[in-house]
Amino acid sequence: MGKAREIQKRRQAVRNIYKITKVMQMIATARFQKALKRAKDTRLYAQKLQAMVESILRSPGTLTEVQRHPLFKMRPAKRTALLIVTSNRGLAGGYNSQILRLAMLHIRDLERESPGVDVHVAGKKGAAYFRFARREVRAAYTKLGDSPTYERVAPVARLLMDDYAAGRVDAVKIVYMRFFSAGRQKPFVADVLPPAGFKTPAAGPAGRPDQTRPAKIAAACEFLPDAADILADLLPTLVQAAVFQAFIDAAVSEQIARMVAMSTATENAQTMIRRLSRDYNRARQSQITSELSELMGGVEALK
């Protein structure tokens, strides 16, 4: 009787776990749909913003203004700021471990090439990891929430831009889980500063455009205000949008990872319930057979 009772208790515990994982899977699915819509909307905004900046850079006479802007200054990468985006909560499979593994590999590569790395961590899981590793971080952002807003992410981007403009760091990178589709996400290292996605006019001697290289013919445009003022407004906004897009991609990928993890846990719980039910039935059948044998033995003894 004891064995059957123990199996019954264990089966009930697994059933409770099954209910929890099933609910968490449904919650993650709902949050994924909401985060996916945000990711698509913000990506369109960032792409349009980038296209506006590129149109200015392709216009004649903007090379000098571009080179004067503090966010476009190119210099040897002696010190790099690395922002690592992790989650606040667990139960997301290998989501955080993949990001942190890539981050540590990249940190070691940077430290071999440059004297120092300023580590910025977003998410409680990443902060706990670096605290356990006893590694100093420049800043930890643990109160951004599972669905960060632009207002909360903008100060993070401004701090990175201020460090770059002041010369405290020479490059800014982000390590996060990039969202490609519902079936494909991968840890990714993105260059934020200096902007890697733009092709400024190739400069020859004395800062003049290099005529030996082929260039696209751009339509003559007159800017009001001038290109320098427009870039001064657009470039910080573009950097903030790029950082915000990384957080949104990370939020979508996190919900997908949690959805898959809870789906796997639910399936495993179902399998375990079936196995425990089979074991319980066998134990109960063995117990009934033993009781019948004892009863028949007692009847025979009374004859």
C-alpha atoms as a PDB file:
ATOM      1  CA  MET A   1       0.000   0.000   0.000  1.00  0.00           C
ATOM      2  CA  GLY A   2       2.882   2.322   0.761  1.00  0.00           C
ATOM      3  CA  LYS A   3       4.356   2.104  -2.739  1.00  0.00           C
ATOM      4  CA  ALA A   4       1.038   2.859  -4.450  1.00  0.00           C
ATOM      5  CA  ARG A   5       0.441   5.830  -2.140  1.00  0.00           C
ATOM      6  CA  GLU A   6       3.900   7.251  -2.886  1.00  0.00           C
ATOM      7  CA  ILE A   7       3.331   6.924  -6.632  1.00  0.00           C
ATOM      8  CA  GLN A   8      -0.047   8.621  -6.289  1.00  0.00           C
ATOM      9  CA  LYS A   9       1.495  11.573  -4.416  1.00  0.00           C
ATOM     10  CA  ARG A  10       4.218  11.944  -6.988  1.00  0.00           C
ATOM     11  CA  ARG A  11       1.705  11.811  -9.843  1.00  0.00           C
ATOM     12  CA  GLN A  12      -0.349  14.547  -8.192  1.00  0.00           C
ATOM     13  CA  ALA A  13       2.761  16.715  -7.838  1.00  0.00           C
ATOM     14  CA  VAL A  14       3.617  16.262 -11.517  1.00  0.00           C
ATOM     15  CA  ARG A  15       0.027  17.138 -12.435  1.00  0.00           C
ATOM     16  CA  ASN A  16       0.377  20.405 -10.515  1.00  0.00           C
ATOM     17  CA  ILE A  17       3.613  21.148 -12.369  1.00  0.00           C
ATOM     18  CA  TYR A  18       1.857  20.360 -15.647  1.00  0.00           C
ATOM     19  CA  LYS A  19      -0.861  22.924 -14.871  1.00  0.00           C
ATOM     20  CA  ILE A  20       1.747  25.592 -14.059  1.00  0.00           C
ATOM     21  CA  THR A  21       3.855  25.019 -17.179  1.00  0.00           C
ATOM     22  CA  LYS A  22       0.741  24.956 -19.359  1.00  0.00           C
ATOM     23  CA  VAL A  23      -0.389  28.325 -18.017  1.00  0.00           C
ATOM     24  CA  MET A  24       3.108  29.790 -18.375  1.00  0.00           C
ATOM     25  CA  GLN A  25       3.210  28.584 -21.982  1.00  0.00           C
ATOM     26  CA  MET A  26      -0.084  30.347 -22.706  1.00  0.00           C
ATOM     27  CA  ILE A  27       1.146  33.559 -21.039  1.00  0.00           C
ATOM     28  CA  ALA A  28       4.416  33.468 -23.003  1.00  0.00           C
ATOM     29  CA  THR A  29       2.460  32.966 -26.238  1.00  0.00           C
ATOM     30  CA  ALA A  30       0.287  36.018 -25.534  1.00  0.00           C
ATOM     31  CA  ARG A  31       3.306  38.137 -24.622  1.00  0.00           C
ATOM     32  CA  PHE A  32       5.120  36.956 -27.746  1.00  0.00           C
ATOM     33  CA  GLN A  33       2.323  38.189 -29.986  1.00  0.00           C
ATOM     34  CA  LYS A  34       2.403  41.605 -28.330  1.00  0.00           C
ATOM     35  CA  ALA A  35       6.203  41.843 -28.442  1.00  0.00           C
ATOM     36  CA  LEU A  36       6.288  40.736 -32.075  1.00  0.00           C
ATOM     37  CA  LYS A  37       4.004  43.598 -33.092  1.00  0.00           C
ATOM     38  CA  ARG A  38       6.234  46.086 -31.261  1.00  0.00           C
ATOM     39  CA  ALA A  39       9.350  44.659 -32.910  1.00  0.00           C
ATOM     40  CA  LYS A  40       7.891  45.022 -36.397  1.00  0.00           C
ATOM     41  CA  ASP A  41       6.760  48.592 -35.763  1.00  0.00           C
ATOM     42  CA  THR A  42      10.052  49.752 -34.234  1.00  0.00           C
ATOM     43  CA  ARG A  43      12.085  48.079 -36.975  1.00  0.00           C
ATOM     44  CA  LEU A  44      10.212  50.038 -39.637  1.00  0.00           C
ATOM     45  CA  TYR A  45      10.869  53.253 -37.714  1.00  0.00           C
ATOM     46  CA  ALA A  46      14.591  52.490 -37.345  1.00  0.00           C
ATOM     47  CA  GLN A  47      14.917  51.591 -41.031  1.00  0.00           C
ATOM     48  CA  LYS A  48      13.236  54.824 -42.124  1.00  0.00           C
ATOM     49  CA  LEU A  49      15.426  56.841 -39.765  1.00  0.00           C
ATOM     50  CA  GLN A  50      18.536  55.179 -41.120  1.00  0.00           C
ATOM     51  CA  ALA A  51      17.418  55.872 -44.689  1.00  0.00           C
ATOM     52  CA  MET A  52      17.030  59.575 -43.850  1.00  0.00           C
ATOM     53  CA  VAL A  53      20.574  59.762 -42.471  1.00  0.00           C
ATOM     54  CA  GLU A  54      21.985  57.882 -45.453  1.00  0.00           C
ATOM     55  CA  SER A  55      20.250  60.270 -47.842  1.00  0.00           C
ATOM     56  CA  ILE A  56      22.024  63.176 -46.116  1.00  0.00           C
ATOM     57  CA  LEU A  57      25.375  61.384 -46.232  1.00  0.00           C
ATOM     58  CA  ARG A  58      25.007  60.768 -49.977  1.00  0.00           C
ATOM     59  CA  SER A  59      24.415  64.440 -50.650  1.00  0.00           C
ATOM     60  CA  PRO A  60      27.366  66.521 -51.901  1.00  0.00           C
ATOM     61  CA  GLY A  61      29.208  68.724 -49.449  1.00  0.00           C
ATOM     62  CA  THR A  62      28.309  66.871 -46.255  1.00  0.00           C
ATOM     63  CA  LEU A  63      31.654  65.176 -45.646  1.00  0.00           C
ATOM     64  CA  THR A  64      33.048  67.996 -43.487  1.00  0.00           C
ATOM     65  CA  GLU A  65      29.911  68.162 -41.345  1.00  0.00           C
ATOM     66  CA  VAL A  66      29.966  64.396 -40.863  1.00  0.00           C
ATOM     67  CA  GLN A  67      33.593  64.370 -39.776  1.00  0.00           C
ATOM     68  CA  ARG A  68      32.947  67.133 -37.225  1.00  0.00           C
ATOM     69  CA  HIS A  69      30.097  65.289 -35.498  1.00  0.00           C
ATOM     70  CA  PRO A  70      31.278  63.680 -32.211  1.00  0.00           C
ATOM     71  CA  LEU A  71      29.358  60.459 -32.899  1.00  0.00           C
ATOM     72  CA  PHE A  72      31.094  59.957 -36.239  1.00  0.00           C
ATOM     73  CA  LYS A  73      34.661  60.393 -35.037  1.00  0.00           C
ATOM     74  CA  MET A  74      36.774  57.369 -35.917  1.00  0.00           C
ATOM     75  CA  ARG A  75      39.668  56.546 -33.596  1.00  0.00           C
ATOM     76  CA  PRO A  76      41.607  53.429 -32.553  1.00  0.00           C
ATOM     77  CA  ALA A  77      39.517  51.225 -30.276  1.00  0.00           C
ATOM     78  CA  LYS A  78      41.554  51.405 -27.086  1.00  0.00           C
ATOM     79  CA  ARG A  79      38.508  50.976 -24.852  1.00  0.00           C
ATOM     80  CA  THR A  80      35.126  49.484 -25.739  1.00  0.00           C
ATOM     81  CA  ALA A  81      31.738  49.768 -24.046  1.00  0.00           C
ATOM     82  CA  LEU A  82      29.828  46.498 -24.245  1.00  0.00           C
ATOM     83  CA  LEU A  83      26.111  46.419 -23.411  1.00  0.00           C
ATOM     84  CA  ILE A  84      24.843  42.889 -22.636  1.00  0.00           C
ATOM     85  CA  VAL A  85      21.062  42.434 -22.753  1.00  0.00           C
ATOM     86  CA  THR A  86      19.716  39.524 -20.689  1.00  0.00           C
ATOM     87  CA  SER A  87      16.359  38.761 -19.065  1.00  0.00           C
ATOM     88  CA  ASN A  88      15.000  39.525 -15.614  1.00  0.00           C
ATOM     89  CA  ARG A  89      13.408  36.097 -15.192  1.00  0.00           C
ATOM     90  CA  GLY A  90      14.456  32.524 -15.820  1.00  0.00           C
ATOM     91  CA  LEU A  91      12.588  29.489 -17.166  1.00  0.00           C
ATOM     92  CA  ALA A  92      13.625  30.430 -20.703  1.00  0.00           C
ATOM     93  CA  GLY A  93      15.780  27.457 -21.637  1.00  0.00           C
ATOM     94  CA  GLY A  94      19.266  28.393 -22.822  1.00  0.00           C
ATOM     95  CA  TYR A  95      18.358  31.997 -23.636  1.00  0.00           C
ATOM     96  CA  ASN A  96      20.606  33.716 -21.078  1.00  0.00           C
ATOM     97  CA  SER A  97      23.409  31.166 -21.220  1.00  0.00           C
ATOM     98  CA  GLN A  98      23.833  31.650 -24.983  1.00  0.00           C
ATOM     99  CA  ILE A  99      24.012  35.431 -24.640  1.00  0.00           C
ATOM    100  CA  LEU A 100      26.458  35.331 -21.729  1.00  0.00           C
ATOM    101  CA  ARG A 101      28.645  32.742 -23.434  1.00  0.00           C
ATOM    102  CA  LEU A 102      28.973  34.933 -26.541  1.00  0.00           C
ATOM    103  CA  ALA A 103      29.531  38.014 -24.363  1.00  0.00           C
ATOM    104  CA  MET A 104      32.392  36.415 -22.444  1.00  0.00           C
ATOM    105  CA  LEU A 105      34.034  35.211 -25.658  1.00  0.00           C
ATOM    106  CA  HIS A 106      33.781  38.707 -27.106  1.00  0.00           C
ATOM    107  CA  ILE A 107      35.119  40.295 -23.902  1.00  0.00           C
ATOM    108  CA  ARG A 108      38.175  38.022 -24.002  1.00  0.00           C
ATOM    109  CA  ASP A 109      38.754  38.922 -27.664  1.00  0.00           C
ATOM    110  CA  LEU A 110      38.480  42.637 -26.886  1.00  0.00           C
ATOM    111  CA  GLU A 111      40.817  42.395 -23.908  1.00  0.00           C
ATOM    112  CA  ARG A 112      43.460  40.753 -26.082  1.00  0.00           C
ATOM    113  CA  GLU A 113      43.289  43.670 -28.535  1.00  0.00           C
ATOM    114  CA  SER A 114      42.637  46.671 -26.249  1.00  0.00           C
ATOM    115  CA  PRO A 115      43.479  47.635 -22.665  1.00  0.00           C
ATOM    116  CA  GLY A 116      39.967  47.636 -21.233  1.00  0.00           C
ATOM    117  CA  VAL A 117      36.277  46.931 -21.630  1.00  0.00           C
ATOM    118  CA  ASP A 118      33.419  48.762 -19.914  1.00  0.00           C
ATOM    119  CA  VAL A 119      30.676  46.212 -19.285  1.00  0.00           C
ATOM    120  CA  HIS A 120      27.064  47.397 -19.131  1.00  0.00           C
ATOM    121  CA  VAL A 121      24.500  44.756 -18.163  1.00  0.00           C
ATOM    122  CA  ALA A 122      20.743  44.871 -18.641  1.00  0.00           C
ATOM    123  CA  GLY A 123      18.646  42.273 -16.820  1.00  0.00           C
ATOM    124  CA  LYS A 124      18.838  40.618 -13.418  1.00  0.00           C
ATOM    125  CA  LYS A 125      20.230  37.363 -14.825  1.00  0.00           C
ATOM    126  CA  GLY A 126      23.210  39.086 -16.413  1.00  0.00           C
ATOM    127  CA  ALA A 127      23.853  41.208 -13.323  1.00  0.00           C
ATOM    128  CA  ALA A 128      23.787  38.108 -11.116  1.00  0.00           C
ATOM    129  CA  TYR A 129      26.181  36.308 -13.466  1.00  0.00           C
ATOM    130  CA  PHE A 130      28.811  39.059 -13.380  1.00  0.00           C
ATOM    131  CA  ARG A 131      28.362  39.471  -9.642  1.00  0.00           C
ATOM    132  CA  PHE A 132      29.026  35.744  -9.203  1.00  0.00           C
ATOM    133  CA  ALA A 133      32.022  35.980 -11.550  1.00  0.00           C
ATOM    134  CA  ARG A 134      33.285  38.918  -9.445  1.00  0.00           C
ATOM    135  CA  ARG A 135      33.691  41.087 -12.498  1.00  0.00           C
ATOM    136  CA  GLU A 136      33.177  44.819 -12.219  1.00  0.00           C
ATOM    137  CA  VAL A 137      30.469  46.361 -14.403  1.00  0.00           C
ATOM    138  CA  ARG A 138      30.156  49.981 -15.460  1.00  0.00           C
ATOM    139  CA  ALA A 139      26.376  49.991 -14.939  1.00  0.00           C
ATOM    140  CA  ALA A 140      23.604  47.456 -14.319  1.00  0.00           C
ATOM    141  CA  TYR A 141      20.039  48.066 -15.499  1.00  0.00           C
ATOM    142  CA  THR A 142      17.656  45.734 -13.673  1.00  0.00           C
ATOM    143  CA  LYS A 143      14.480  47.820 -13.570  1.00  0.00           C
ATOM    144  CA  LEU A 144      13.712  48.163 -17.276  1.00  0.00           C
ATOM    145  CA  GLY A 145      11.007  45.492 -17.143  1.00  0.00           C
ATOM    146  CA  ASP A 146      10.215  42.555 -19.409  1.00  0.00           C
ATOM    147  CA  SER A 147       8.782  44.924 -22.022  1.00  0.00           C
ATOM    148  CA  PRO A 148      11.001  48.040 -21.849  1.00  0.00           C
ATOM    149  CA  THR A 149       9.676  51.344 -23.097  1.00  0.00           C
ATOM    150  CA  TYR A 150      11.571  53.905 -25.146  1.00  0.00           C
ATOM    151  CA  GLU A 151      11.608  56.328 -22.203  1.00  0.00           C
ATOM    152  CA  ARG A 152      13.427  53.778 -20.027  1.00  0.00           C
ATOM    153  CA  VAL A 153      15.916  52.708 -22.693  1.00  0.00           C
ATOM    154  CA  ALA A 154      16.813  56.228 -23.862  1.00  0.00           C
ATOM    155  CA  PRO A 155      18.935  57.051 -20.745  1.00  0.00           C
ATOM    156  CA  VAL A 156      20.975  53.896 -21.349  1.00  0.00           C
ATOM    157  CA  ALA A 157      21.682  54.999 -24.920  1.00  0.00           C
ATOM    158  CA  ARG A 158      22.495  58.557 -23.797  1.00  0.00           C
ATOM    159  CA  LEU A 159      25.054  57.276 -21.273  1.00  0.00           C
ATOM    160  CA  LEU A 160      26.773  55.252 -23.996  1.00  0.00           C
ATOM    161  CA  MET A 161      26.744  58.229 -26.374  1.00  0.00           C
ATOM    162  CA  ASP A 162      28.135  60.565 -23.693  1.00  0.00           C
ATOM    163  CA  ASP A 163      30.998  58.162 -22.962  1.00  0.00           C
ATOM    164  CA  TYR A 164      31.782  57.904 -26.678  1.00  0.00           C
ATOM    165  CA  ALA A 165      31.554  61.650 -27.365  1.00  0.00           C
ATOM    166  CA  ALA A 166      33.751  62.427 -24.342  1.00  0.00           C
ATOM    167  CA  GLY A 167      36.390  59.952 -25.495  1.00  0.00           C
ATOM    168  CA  ARG A 168      36.039  57.665 -22.473  1.00  0.00           C
ATOM    169  CA  VAL A 169      35.341  54.784 -24.879  1.00  0.00           C
ATOM    170  CA  ASP A 170      36.237  54.418 -28.538  1.00  0.00           C
ATOM    171  CA  ALA A 171      33.532  51.940 -29.567  1.00  0.00           C
ATOM    172  CA  VAL A 172      30.098  50.827 -28.387  1.00  0.00           C
ATOM    173  CA  LYS A 173      28.733  47.332 -28.988  1.00  0.00           C
ATOM    174  CA  ILE A 174      25.611  45.432 -27.919  1.00  0.00           C
ATOM    175  CA  VAL A 175      25.338  41.699 -27.248  1.00  0.00           C
ATOM    176  CA  TYR A 176      21.745  40.488 -27.422  1.00  0.00           C
ATOM    177  CA  MET A 177      19.514  37.782 -28.850  1.00  0.00           C
ATOM    178  CA  ARG A 178      18.626  38.985 -32.335  1.00  0.00           C
ATOM    179  CA  PHE A 179      15.183  38.145 -33.652  1.00  0.00           C
ATOM    180  CA  PHE A 180      15.044  37.018 -37.286  1.00  0.00           C
ATOM    181  CA  SER A 181      11.802  35.049 -37.304  1.00  0.00           C
ATOM    182  CA  ALA A 182       9.622  32.996 -34.994  1.00  0.00           C
ATOM    183  CA  GLY A 183      11.806  29.982 -35.743  1.00  0.00           C
ATOM    184  CA  ARG A 184      15.212  31.658 -35.757  1.00  0.00           C
ATOM    185  CA  GLN A 185      16.951  33.710 -33.081  1.00  0.00           C
ATOM    186  CA  LYS A 186      20.659  33.832 -32.415  1.00  0.00           C
ATOM    187  CA  PRO A 187      23.031  35.697 -30.064  1.00  0.00           C
ATOM    188  CA  PHE A 188      24.466  38.636 -31.928  1.00  0.00           C
ATOM    189  CA  VAL A 189      27.081  41.365 -31.470  1.00  0.00           C
ATOM    190  CA  ALA A 190      26.002  44.687 -33.011  1.00  0.00           C
ATOM    191  CA  ASP A 191      28.248  47.703 -33.578  1.00  0.00           C
ATOM    192  CA  VAL A 192      26.505  50.877 -32.414  1.00  0.00           C
ATOM    193  CA  LEU A 193      29.284  53.465 -32.362  1.00  0.00           C
ATOM    194  CA  PRO A 194      30.983  54.379 -34.563  1.00  0.00           C
ATOM    195  CA  PRO A 195      28.060  53.705 -36.934  1.00  0.00           C
ATOM    196  CA  ALA A 196      29.064  50.707 -39.007  1.00  0.00           C
ATOM    197  CA  GLY A 197      26.086  50.676 -41.336  1.00  0.00           C
ATOM    198  CA  PHE A 198      26.859  53.931 -43.127  1.00  0.00           C
ATOM    199  CA  LYS A 199      29.186  54.531 -46.022  1.00  0.00           C
ATOM    200  CA  THR A 200      30.434  58.061 -45.780  1.00  0.00           C
ATOM    201  CA  PRO A 201      31.926  59.673 -48.895  1.00  0.00           C
ATOM    202  CA  ALA A 202      35.423  58.361 -49.463  1.00  0.00           C
ATOM    203  CA  ALA A 203      37.914  61.105 -48.655  1.00  0.00           C
ATOM    204  CA  GLY A 204      41.103  61.753 -50.538  1.00  0.00           C
ATOM    205  CA  PRO A 205      43.949  64.133 -49.689  1.00  0.00           C
ATOM    206  CA  ALA A 206      43.020  67.268 -47.759  1.00  0.00           C
ATOM    207  CA  GLY A 207      39.613  65.823 -46.980  1.00  0.00           C
ATOM    208  CA  ARG A 208      38.353  66.111 -50.570  1.00  0.00           C
ATOM    209  CA  PRO A 209      36.175  63.312 -51.963  1.00  0.00           C
ATOM    210  CA  ASP A 210      38.262  60.639 -53.668  1.00  0.00           C
ATOM    211  CA  GLN A 211      37.492  60.840 -57.387  1.00  0.00           C
ATOM    212  CA  THR A 212      39.264  57.566 -58.138  1.00  0.00           C
ATOM    213  CA  ARG A 213      36.488  55.550 -56.472  1.00  0.00           C
ATOM    214  CA  PRO A 214      33.106  55.029 -58.101  1.00  0.00           C
ATOM    215  CA  ALA A 215      30.311  56.833 -56.309  1.00  0.00           C
ATOM    216  CA  LYS A 216      26.586  57.025 -56.726  1.00  0.00           C
ATOM    217  CA  ILE A 217      25.323  60.242 -58.244  1.00  0.00           C
ATOM    218  CA  ALA A 218      23.133  61.940 -55.679  1.00  0.00           C
ATOM    219  CA  ALA A 219      20.521  64.511 -56.477  1.00  0.00           C
ATOM    220  CA  ALA A 220      21.432  68.048 -55.486  1.00  0.00           C
ATOM    221  CA  CYS A 221      19.610  68.955 -52.273  1.00  0.00           C
ATOM    222  CA  GLU A 222      19.447  72.120 -50.260  1.00  0.00           C
ATOM    223  CA  PHE A 223      19.021  71.514 -46.523  1.00  0.00           C
ATOM    224  CA  LEU A 224      17.228  73.889 -44.239  1.00  0.00           C
ATOM    225  CA  PRO A 225      18.554  73.843 -41.588  1.00  0.00           C
ATOM    226  CA  ASP A 226      21.929  72.737 -42.915  1.00  0.00           C
ATOM    227  CA  ALA A 227      23.176  69.156 -42.958  1.00  0.00           C
ATOM    228  CA  ALA A 228      25.201  69.579 -39.747  1.00  0.00           C
ATOM    229  CA  ASP A 229      22.143  70.632 -37.760  1.00  0.00           C
ATOM    230  CA  ILE A 230      20.027  67.830 -39.192  1.00  0.00           C
ATOM    231  CA  LEU A 231      22.697  65.237 -38.405  1.00  0.00           C
ATOM    232  CA  ALA A 232      23.073  66.652 -34.887  1.00  0.00           C
ATOM    233  CA  ASP A 233      19.395  65.848 -34.299  1.00  0.00           C
ATOM    234  CA  LEU A 234      19.115  62.600 -36.247  1.00  0.00           C
ATOM    235  CA  LEU A 235      22.258  60.749 -35.151  1.00  0.00           C
ATOM    236  CA  PRO A 236      21.478  60.640 -31.396  1.00  0.00           C
ATOM    237  CA  THR A 237      17.927  59.601 -32.232  1.00  0.00           C
ATOM    238  CA  LEU A 238      19.265  56.910 -34.549  1.00  0.00           C
ATOM    239  CA  VAL A 239      21.567  55.512 -31.847  1.00  0.00           C
ATOM    240  CA  GLN A 240      18.721  55.499 -29.311  1.00  0.00           C
ATOM    241  CA  ALA A 241      16.494  53.720 -31.841  1.00  0.00           C
ATOM    242  CA  ALA A 242      19.196  51.104 -32.490  1.00  0.00           C
ATOM    243  CA  VAL A 243      19.599  50.412 -28.755  1.00  0.00           C
ATOM    244  CA  PHE A 244      15.831  50.289 -28.293  1.00  0.00           C
ATOM    245  CA  GLN A 245      15.499  47.880 -31.230  1.00  0.00           C
ATOM    246  CA  ALA A 246      18.030  45.570 -29.574  1.00  0.00           C
ATOM    247  CA  PHE A 247      15.946  45.537 -26.373  1.00  0.00           C
ATOM    248  CA  ILE A 248      12.746  44.849 -28.341  1.00  0.00           C
ATOM    249  CA  ASP A 249      14.380  42.021 -30.304  1.00  0.00           C
ATOM    250  CA  ALA A 250      15.635  40.586 -27.017  1.00  0.00           C
ATOM    251  CA  ALA A 251      12.128  40.762 -25.523  1.00  0.00           C
ATOM    252  CA  VAL A 252      10.623  38.875 -28.475  1.00  0.00           C
ATOM    253  CA  SER A 253      13.362  36.247 -28.405  1.00  0.00           C
ATOM    254  CA  GLU A 254      12.942  35.806 -24.654  1.00  0.00           C
ATOM    255  CA  GLN A 255       9.220  35.084 -24.989  1.00  0.00           C
ATOM    256  CA  ILE A 256       9.892  32.609 -27.798  1.00  0.00           C
ATOM    257  CA  ALA A 257      12.530  30.848 -25.683  1.00  0.00           C
ATOM    258  CA  ARG A 258      10.179  30.716 -22.687  1.00  0.00           C
ATOM    259  CA  MET A 259       7.321  29.503 -24.868  1.00  0.00           C
ATOM    260  CA  VAL A 260       9.455  26.663 -26.253  1.00  0.00           C
ATOM    261  CA  ALA A 261      10.844  25.799 -22.811  1.00  0.00           C
ATOM    262  CA  MET A 262       7.382  25.649 -21.215  1.00  0.00           C
ATOM    263  CA  SER A 263       6.041  23.626 -24.144  1.00  0.00           C
ATOM    264  CA  THR A 264       8.838  21.095 -23.669  1.00  0.00           C
ATOM    265  CA  ALA A 265       8.256  21.024 -19.905  1.00  0.00           C
ATOM    266  CA  THR A 266       4.518  20.446 -20.451  1.00  0.00           C
ATOM    267  CA  GLU A 267       5.183  17.560 -22.825  1.00  0.00           C
ATOM    268  CA  ASN A 268       7.657  16.017 -20.389  1.00  0.00           C
ATOM    269  CA  ALA A 269       5.129  16.345 -17.574  1.00  0.00           C
ATOM    270  CA  GLN A 270       2.500  14.583 -19.682  1.00  0.00           C
ATOM    271  CA  THR A 271       4.922  11.755 -20.415  1.00  0.00           C
ATOM    272  CA  MET A 272       5.796  11.435 -16.722  1.00  0.00           C
ATOM    273  CA  ILE A 273       2.097  11.405 -15.731  1.00  0.00           C
ATOM    274  CA  ARG A 274       1.416   8.556 -18.148  1.00  0.00           C
ATOM    275  CA  ARG A 275       4.384   6.585 -16.816  1.00  0.00           C
ATOM    276  CA  LEU A 276       3.417   7.174 -13.192  1.00  0.00           C
ATOM    277  CA  SER A 277      -0.205   6.187 -13.930  1.00  0.00           C
ATOM    278  CA  ARG A 278       1.047   2.930 -15.427  1.00  0.00           C
ATOM    279  CA  ASP A 279       3.281   2.284 -12.422  1.00  0.00           C
ATOM    280  CA  TYR A 280       0.422   3.112 -10.062  1.00  0.00           C
ATOM    281  CA  ASN A 281      -1.935   0.700 -11.828  1.00  0.00           C
ATOM    282  CA  ARG A 282       0.670  -2.059 -11.653  1.00  0.00           C
ATOM    283  CA  ALA A 283       1.346  -1.395  -7.977  1.00  0.00           C
ATOM    284  CA  ARG A 284      -2.370  -1.310  -7.219  1.00  0.00           C
ATOM    285  CA  GLN A 285      -2.955  -4.534  -9.167  1.00  0.00           C
ATOM    286  CA  SER A 286      -0.094  -6.214  -7.311  1.00  0.00           C
ATOM    287  CA  GLN A 287      -1.526  -5.026  -4.014  1.00  0.00           C
ATOM    288  CA  ILE A 288      -5.023  -6.358  -4.850  1.00  0.00           C
ATOM    289  CA  THR A 289      -3.571  -9.700  -5.929  1.00  0.00           C
ATOM    290  CA  SER A 290      -1.638  -9.942  -2.673  1.00  0.00           C
ATOM    291  CA  GLU A 291      -4.759  -9.140  -0.630  1.00  0.00           C
ATOM    292  CA  LEU A 292      -6.801 -11.759  -2.503  1.00  0.00           C
ATOM    293  CA  SER A 293      -4.095 -14.349  -1.917  1.00  0.00           C
ATOM    294  CA  GLU A 294      -4.096 -13.585   1.805  1.00  0.00           C
ATOM    295  CA  LEU A 295      -7.904 -13.789   1.892  1.00  0.00           C
ATOM    296  CA  MET A 296      -7.960 -17.159   0.104  1.00  0.00           C
ATOM    297  CA  GLY A 297      -5.241 -18.434   2.427  1.00  0.00           C
ATOM    298  CA  GLY A 298      -7.340 -17.450   5.446  1.00  0.00           C
ATOM    299  CA  VAL A 299     -10.414 -19.194   4.026  1.00  0.00           C
ATOM    300  CA  GLU A 300      -8.427 -22.380   3.437  1.00  0.00           C
ATOM    301  CA  ALA A 301      -7.123 -22.241   6.993  1.00  0.00           C
ATOM    302  CA  LEU A 302     -10.672 -22.131   8.402  1.00  0.00           C
ATOM    303  CA  LYS A 303     -11.750 -25.295   6.641  1.00  0.00           C
END
